[in-house]
Amino acid sequence: MGDDRQTHQERLKGILNSERPAPTSSNKDGDGGGGEAACAAFGYLRGIEDKAAAVEFRLRDGNSIWFPYGWLGTWQYNPSEGLLLKFRGDITYLVLIRGSNLDRPLNDGSINLTHAGLQRHRVLWVREMSEEDIKQLADKGPTIDSIEVAEFEKYAALKEWLSKKAPAFVRAPT
């Protein structure tokens, strides 16, 4: 007798790769109305005063990792390299997000991933998009090609990883 039930990973992959439309809102982005909204690349809190406790990074393989905003330290945006976030807890974590239009406002509103999103702690989640999702969106909004998360106990290892993965973020010695 065969078991044709899906595993939780298979169900999750189906959910993450589904073509369901992003939630929409009757309020314009950032108009002070509460609640949540999303685009294909990230979800966010609509209320201009609302703040999330943590941000979730949803990986294409179905795994997720959350970081508290309280751990968010310096971060850098370089359109040619991506977005580099540094979280400091018991050890240091780097999150490298690559994509396009990462700083573009959504629907001509006031929310975007960088300034009005992460900087104001309004982003709830960021997800790696499938190639099909990216092609479908084309140049209409932000896309997330990849999210890499790495952990470091020593600064030398962090710098070596950055030199290989995103050299534009490595500071030249002065």
Protein backbone atom coordinates (compact mmCIF):
# COMPACT_ATOMS: atom_id res chain seq x y z
CA MET A 1 0.00 0.00 0.00
CA GLY A 2 1.63 3.27 -1.14
CA ASP A 3 1.65 6.42 0.95
CA ASP A 4 0.86 9.37 -1.31
CA ARG A 5 0.72 11.98 1.47
CA GLN A 6 3.06 14.92 1.02
CA THR A 7 5.79 15.66 3.53
CA HIS A 8 5.75 19.04 5.22
CA GLN A 9 8.74 20.10 3.08
CA GLU A 10 6.84 19.24 -0.12
CA ARG A 11 3.74 21.14 1.07
CA LEU A 12 5.87 24.11 2.08
CA LYS A 13 7.67 24.17 -1.27
CA GLY A 14 4.28 24.16 -2.96
CA ILE A 15 3.14 27.08 -0.84
CA LEU A 16 6.34 29.06 -1.37
CA ASN A 17 6.35 28.45 -5.11
CA SER A 18 2.64 28.98 -5.64
CA GLU A 19 1.48 31.75 -7.88
CA ARG A 20 -0.99 33.17 -5.38
CA PRO A 21 -1.27 36.94 -5.62
CA ALA A 22 0.27 39.09 -2.94
CA PRO A 23 -2.17 40.52 -0.40
CA THR A 24 -3.51 43.89 -1.39
CA SER A 25 -4.59 46.81 0.66
CA SER A 26 -7.24 49.46 0.18
CA ASN A 27 -4.95 51.96 1.91
CA LYS A 28 -2.00 53.51 0.14
CA ASP A 29 1.39 52.35 1.39
CA GLY A 30 2.49 54.17 4.50
CA ASP A 31 -0.73 56.12 4.96
CA GLY A 32 -0.90 55.29 8.64
CA GLY A 33 -3.41 52.43 8.29
CA GLY A 34 -2.47 49.32 10.23
CA GLY A 35 -2.15 45.75 9.09
CA GLU A 36 0.16 43.87 6.82
CA ALA A 37 0.76 43.97 3.10
CA ALA A 38 3.22 42.33 0.72
CA CYS A 39 4.76 42.35 -2.69
CA ALA A 40 6.41 39.35 -4.33
CA ALA A 41 9.74 40.04 -2.62
CA PHE A 42 8.82 41.07 0.94
CA GLY A 43 6.03 41.60 3.45
CA TYR A 44 5.70 44.69 5.59
CA LEU A 45 3.64 46.54 8.17
CA ARG A 46 1.54 49.28 6.58
CA GLY A 47 1.22 51.56 9.58
CA ILE A 48 3.89 54.23 9.51
CA GLU A 49 4.39 53.93 13.30
CA ASP A 50 4.24 50.09 13.33
CA LYS A 51 7.46 48.19 14.03
CA ALA A 52 8.21 44.49 13.74
CA ALA A 53 10.13 42.64 16.44
CA ALA A 54 12.02 40.46 13.94
CA VAL A 55 12.56 39.90 10.23
CA GLU A 56 12.21 36.48 8.60
CA PHE A 57 14.35 35.41 5.66
CA ARG A 58 12.52 32.79 3.58
CA LEU A 59 14.88 30.63 1.56
CA ARG A 60 13.96 28.92 -1.68
CA ASP A 61 14.50 25.46 -0.15
CA GLY A 62 11.64 26.04 2.31
CA ASN A 63 13.81 26.94 5.31
CA SER A 64 13.49 30.24 7.16
CA ILE A 65 15.64 32.11 9.63
CA TRP A 66 14.50 34.98 11.85
CA PHE A 67 16.62 37.75 13.32
CA PRO A 68 15.44 40.26 15.91
CA TYR A 69 15.65 43.86 14.79
CA GLY A 70 17.41 44.55 18.08
CA TRP A 71 20.40 42.64 16.68
CA LEU A 72 20.52 44.66 13.44
CA GLY A 73 23.69 46.70 13.29
CA THR A 74 25.24 48.35 10.30
CA TRP A 75 23.95 47.58 6.86
CA GLN A 76 24.98 48.65 3.41
CA TYR A 77 23.28 48.87 0.06
CA ASN A 78 25.26 48.72 -3.18
CA PRO A 79 23.04 48.26 -6.26
CA SER A 80 25.74 46.24 -8.05
CA GLU A 81 26.39 43.89 -5.07
CA GLY A 82 23.12 43.88 -3.16
CA LEU A 83 22.12 44.53 0.41
CA LEU A 84 24.36 43.46 3.29
CA LEU A 85 22.85 43.27 6.77
CA LYS A 86 24.88 42.60 9.92
CA PHE A 87 23.17 41.08 12.94
CA ARG A 88 25.07 40.77 16.23
CA GLY A 89 23.95 38.35 18.90
CA ASP A 90 26.09 35.73 20.55
CA ILE A 91 28.01 35.68 17.26
CA THR A 92 27.93 37.87 14.15
CA TYR A 93 25.63 36.99 11.24
CA LEU A 94 25.77 38.46 7.76
CA VAL A 95 22.79 38.35 5.45
CA LEU A 96 23.58 39.09 1.81
CA ILE A 97 20.52 39.82 -0.32
CA ARG A 98 21.00 39.99 -4.08
CA GLY A 99 18.36 41.21 -6.46
CA SER A 100 17.23 44.19 -8.45
CA ASN A 101 15.36 47.37 -7.60
CA LEU A 102 15.84 46.71 -3.89
CA ASP A 103 15.35 50.39 -3.08
CA ARG A 104 12.41 50.99 -5.45
CA PRO A 105 9.18 52.17 -3.76
CA LEU A 106 6.14 49.94 -4.23
CA ASN A 107 3.17 51.23 -6.23
CA ASP A 108 4.50 54.79 -6.13
CA GLY A 109 4.05 54.70 -2.35
CA SER A 110 6.37 55.41 0.49
CA ILE A 111 7.42 51.82 1.33
CA ASN A 112 10.49 50.12 -0.08
CA LEU A 113 12.76 47.38 1.19
CA THR A 114 15.60 49.62 2.30
CA HIS A 115 14.78 53.08 3.69
CA ALA A 116 11.10 52.85 4.62
CA GLY A 117 11.20 49.11 5.23
CA LEU A 118 14.27 47.73 7.00
CA GLN A 119 15.49 51.08 8.31
CA ARG A 120 12.15 51.67 10.04
CA HIS A 121 11.77 48.00 11.14
CA ARG A 122 8.59 47.55 9.09
CA VAL A 123 9.72 44.55 6.98
CA LEU A 124 8.28 41.27 8.32
CA TRP A 125 9.82 38.88 5.80
CA VAL A 126 12.03 38.77 2.72
CA ARG A 127 11.92 35.80 0.35
CA GLU A 128 14.09 34.33 -2.35
CA MET A 129 12.04 34.36 -5.53
CA SER A 130 11.91 31.67 -8.19
CA GLU A 131 13.23 32.46 -11.66
CA GLU A 132 9.65 32.36 -12.93
CA ASP A 133 8.55 34.91 -10.31
CA ILE A 134 11.43 37.19 -11.25
CA LYS A 135 10.67 36.94 -14.99
CA GLN A 136 6.98 37.60 -14.35
CA LEU A 137 7.74 40.72 -12.34
CA ALA A 138 10.35 41.91 -14.85
CA ASP A 139 11.37 45.48 -13.97
CA LYS A 140 8.12 46.44 -12.21
CA GLY A 141 9.36 46.09 -8.65
CA PRO A 142 12.00 44.66 -6.33
CA THR A 143 13.19 41.11 -6.91
CA ILE A 144 15.21 38.85 -4.60
CA ASP A 145 17.50 36.50 -6.53
CA SER A 146 19.28 35.06 -3.51
CA ILE A 147 19.68 35.33 0.24
CA GLU A 148 22.87 34.06 1.84
CA VAL A 149 23.21 33.82 5.61
CA ALA A 150 26.59 33.21 7.22
CA GLU A 151 27.72 33.19 10.84
CA PHE A 152 31.08 34.24 12.21
CA GLU A 153 32.92 34.14 15.50
CA LYS A 154 36.05 35.89 14.19
CA TYR A 155 36.37 39.09 12.19
CA ALA A 156 39.04 37.57 9.89
CA ALA A 157 36.62 34.86 8.74
CA LEU A 158 33.91 37.47 8.14
CA LYS A 159 36.25 39.58 6.02
CA GLU A 160 37.41 36.53 4.04
CA TRP A 161 33.80 35.51 3.31
CA LEU A 162 32.94 39.04 2.19
CA SER A 163 36.04 39.20 -0.05
CA LYS A 164 34.81 36.10 -1.87
CA LYS A 165 31.05 36.78 -1.92
CA ALA A 166 30.73 40.57 -2.16
CA PRO A 167 34.08 42.35 -2.49
CA ALA A 168 32.49 45.79 -2.90
CA PHE A 169 31.56 45.63 0.80
CA VAL A 170 35.14 45.06 1.98
CA ARG A 171 36.79 48.25 3.10
CA ALA A 172 40.21 48.89 1.65
CA PRO A 173 42.93 49.45 4.24
CA THR A 174 43.70 53.11 4.85
